[in-house]
C-alpha atoms as a PDB file:
ATOM      1  CA  MET A   1     -18.264   5.391 -16.988  1.00  0.00           C
ATOM      2  CA  GLN A   2     -16.632   6.464 -20.076  1.00  0.00           C
ATOM      3  CA  ASN A   3     -20.402   6.752 -21.721  1.00  0.00           C
ATOM      4  CA  ALA A   4     -21.384   7.906 -18.283  1.00  0.00           C
ATOM      5  CA  PRO A   5     -23.462  11.693 -18.368  1.00  0.00           C
ATOM      6  CA  VAL A   6     -20.626  14.493 -16.830  1.00  0.00           C
ATOM      7  CA  PHE A   7     -23.093  14.673 -13.868  1.00  0.00           C
ATOM      8  CA  MET A   8     -22.690  10.726 -12.808  1.00  0.00           C
ATOM      9  CA  ARG A   9     -19.104  11.147 -13.469  1.00  0.00           C
ATOM     10  CA  TRP A  10     -18.419  13.885 -11.165  1.00  0.00           C
ATOM     11  CA  LEU A  11     -21.071  12.316  -8.392  1.00  0.00           C
ATOM     12  CA  ALA A  12     -19.152   9.266  -8.675  1.00  0.00           C
ATOM     13  CA  LEU A  13     -15.244  11.337  -7.620  1.00  0.00           C
ATOM     14  CA  MET A  14     -17.455  12.977  -4.978  1.00  0.00           C
ATOM     15  CA  ALA A  15     -17.951   9.577  -3.683  1.00  0.00           C
ATOM     16  CA  GLY A  16     -14.806   8.189  -3.487  1.00  0.00           C
ATOM     17  CA  ALA A  17     -13.287  11.869  -1.635  1.00  0.00           C
ATOM     18  CA  PHE A  18     -16.296  10.894   0.476  1.00  0.00           C
ATOM     19  CA  MET A  19     -15.577   6.936   0.872  1.00  0.00           C
ATOM     20  CA  PHE A  20     -11.474   8.461   1.706  1.00  0.00           C
ATOM     21  CA  TRP A  21     -12.131  11.371   4.073  1.00  0.00           C
ATOM     22  CA  THR A  22     -14.139   8.465   6.390  1.00  0.00           C
ATOM     23  CA  LEU A  23     -11.761   6.641   5.670  1.00  0.00           C
ATOM     24  CA  MET A  24      -8.595   8.419   7.180  1.00  0.00           C
ATOM     25  CA  PHE A  25     -10.404  10.658   9.688  1.00  0.00           C
ATOM     26  CA  VAL A  26     -13.963   8.421  11.140  1.00  0.00           C
ATOM     27  CA  ILE A  27     -12.162   4.336  10.978  1.00  0.00           C
ATOM     28  CA  CYS A  28      -8.875   4.888  11.868  1.00  0.00           C
ATOM     29  CA  PRO A  29      -9.175   7.155  14.615  1.00  0.00           C
ATOM     30  CA  ALA A  30     -11.813   4.928  15.435  1.00  0.00           C
ATOM     31  CA  ILE A  31      -9.242   1.461  15.112  1.00  0.00           C
ATOM     32  CA  ASN A  32      -7.430   3.753  17.624  1.00  0.00           C
ATOM     33  CA  ARG A  33      -9.380   3.715  20.598  1.00  0.00           C
ATOM     34  CA  THR A  34     -11.324   0.909  20.182  1.00  0.00           C
ATOM     35  CA  PHE A  35      -7.572  -1.574  19.966  1.00  0.00           C
ATOM     36  CA  PRO A  36      -4.929  -0.616  23.287  1.00  0.00           C
ATOM     37  CA  ALA A  37      -1.986  -2.002  21.227  1.00  0.00           C
ATOM     38  CA  MET A  38      -2.791   0.923  17.606  1.00  0.00           C
ATOM     39  CA  ALA A  39      -2.585   3.499  20.336  1.00  0.00           C
ATOM     40  CA  ARG A  40      -0.452   2.732  22.545  1.00  0.00           C
ATOM     41  CA  MET A  41       1.650   2.254  18.981  1.00  0.00           C
ATOM     42  CA  ALA A  42       0.249   5.635  17.685  1.00  0.00           C
ATOM     43  CA  SER A  43       1.649   7.610  20.869  1.00  0.00           C
ATOM     44  CA  VAL A  44       4.981   6.146  19.932  1.00  0.00           C
ATOM     45  CA  VAL A  45       4.979   7.321  16.626  1.00  0.00           C
ATOM     46  CA  ASP A  46       3.792  10.718  17.483  1.00  0.00           C
ATOM     47  CA  ALA A  47       6.061  10.382  20.667  1.00  0.00           C
ATOM     48  CA  TYR A  48       9.161  10.237  18.749  1.00  0.00           C
ATOM     49  CA  GLY A  49       8.486  11.695  15.736  1.00  0.00           C
ATOM     50  CA  LEU A  50       8.915   8.343  13.717  1.00  0.00           C
ATOM     51  CA  ARG A  51       8.329   8.440   9.433  1.00  0.00           C
ATOM     52  CA  THR A  52       6.586   5.461   9.267  1.00  0.00           C
ATOM     53  CA  GLY A  53       6.013   5.213   5.949  1.00  0.00           C
ATOM     54  CA  MET A  54      10.096   5.740   5.099  1.00  0.00           C
ATOM     55  CA  PHE A  55      10.937   2.293   6.605  1.00  0.00           C
ATOM     56  CA  PHE A  56       9.605   0.364   4.750  1.00  0.00           C
ATOM     57  CA  TYR A  57      10.933   1.273   1.393  1.00  0.00           C
ATOM     58  CA  THR A  58      14.095   2.791   1.975  1.00  0.00           C
ATOM     59  CA  ASP A  59      15.291   1.334   5.193  1.00  0.00           C
ATOM     60  CA  VAL A  60      14.829  -1.657   5.403  1.00  0.00           C
ATOM     61  CA  GLU A  61      18.576  -4.370   4.257  1.00  0.00           C
ATOM     62  CA  ILE A  62      15.790  -6.644   3.128  1.00  0.00           C
ATOM     63  CA  THR A  63      13.346  -4.165   0.414  1.00  0.00           C
ATOM     64  CA  ALA A  64      17.115  -3.434  -1.141  1.00  0.00           C
ATOM     65  CA  ASP A  65      17.409  -6.796  -1.316  1.00  0.00           C
ATOM     66  CA  ALA A  66      14.577  -8.306  -2.165  1.00  0.00           C
ATOM     67  CA  ASN A  67      14.246  -5.198  -5.296  1.00  0.00           C
ATOM     68  CA  ILE A  68      17.453  -6.391  -6.508  1.00  0.00           C
ATOM     69  CA  GLU A  69      16.521 -10.280  -6.022  1.00  0.00           C
ATOM     70  CA  THR A  70      13.668  -9.100  -7.722  1.00  0.00           C
ATOM     71  CA  ALA A  71      15.031  -7.380 -10.200  1.00  0.00           C
ATOM     72  CA  ASN A  72      17.484 -10.584 -10.876  1.00  0.00           C
ATOM     73  CA  THR A  73      14.622 -12.440 -11.945  1.00  0.00           C
ATOM     74  CA  VAL A  74      12.655 -10.712 -14.458  1.00  0.00           C
ATOM     75  CA  ARG A  75      16.041  -9.213 -15.530  1.00  0.00           C
ATOM     76  CA  PHE A  76      17.553 -13.074 -16.256  1.00  0.00           C
ATOM     77  CA  MET A  77      13.910 -15.201 -16.504  1.00  0.00           C
ATOM     78  CA  PRO A  78      14.849 -18.944 -17.398  1.00  0.00           C
ATOM     79  CA  THR A  79      13.833 -20.019 -21.226  1.00  0.00           C
ATOM     80  CA  GLY A  80      13.342 -22.952 -20.352  1.00  0.00           C
ATOM     81  CA  GLY A  81      15.837 -26.166 -22.226  1.00  0.00           C
ATOM     82  CA  LYS A  82      15.707 -29.477 -23.709  1.00  0.00           C
ATOM     83  CA  ASN A  83      13.901 -31.137 -20.980  1.00  0.00           C
ATOM     84  CA  ARG A  84      11.081 -28.163 -21.098  1.00  0.00           C
ATOM     85  CA  GLU A  85       7.992 -28.788 -20.701  1.00  0.00           C
ATOM     86  CA  ARG A  86       5.549 -28.420 -23.283  1.00  0.00           C
ATOM     87  CA  ARG A  87       2.373 -27.277 -22.927  1.00  0.00           C
END
């Protein structure tokens, strides 16, 4: 879209914003109303004031372990040896 006219770029931006708004304020609430388990989970999250995004990234021990292991894998990447396959 680099060579598209300015009008088309603004139109694409507005379309993307509208799709995001539709997802957040129409589709997600409809899922909560449709599936009882989702509605119950949402009500528990609201009732207890849970910040669910926080738990996935910071408060779960396995996430920290995975971060350390991934960093070590990248840092100490195996480079092969005498039995290395040739491509």
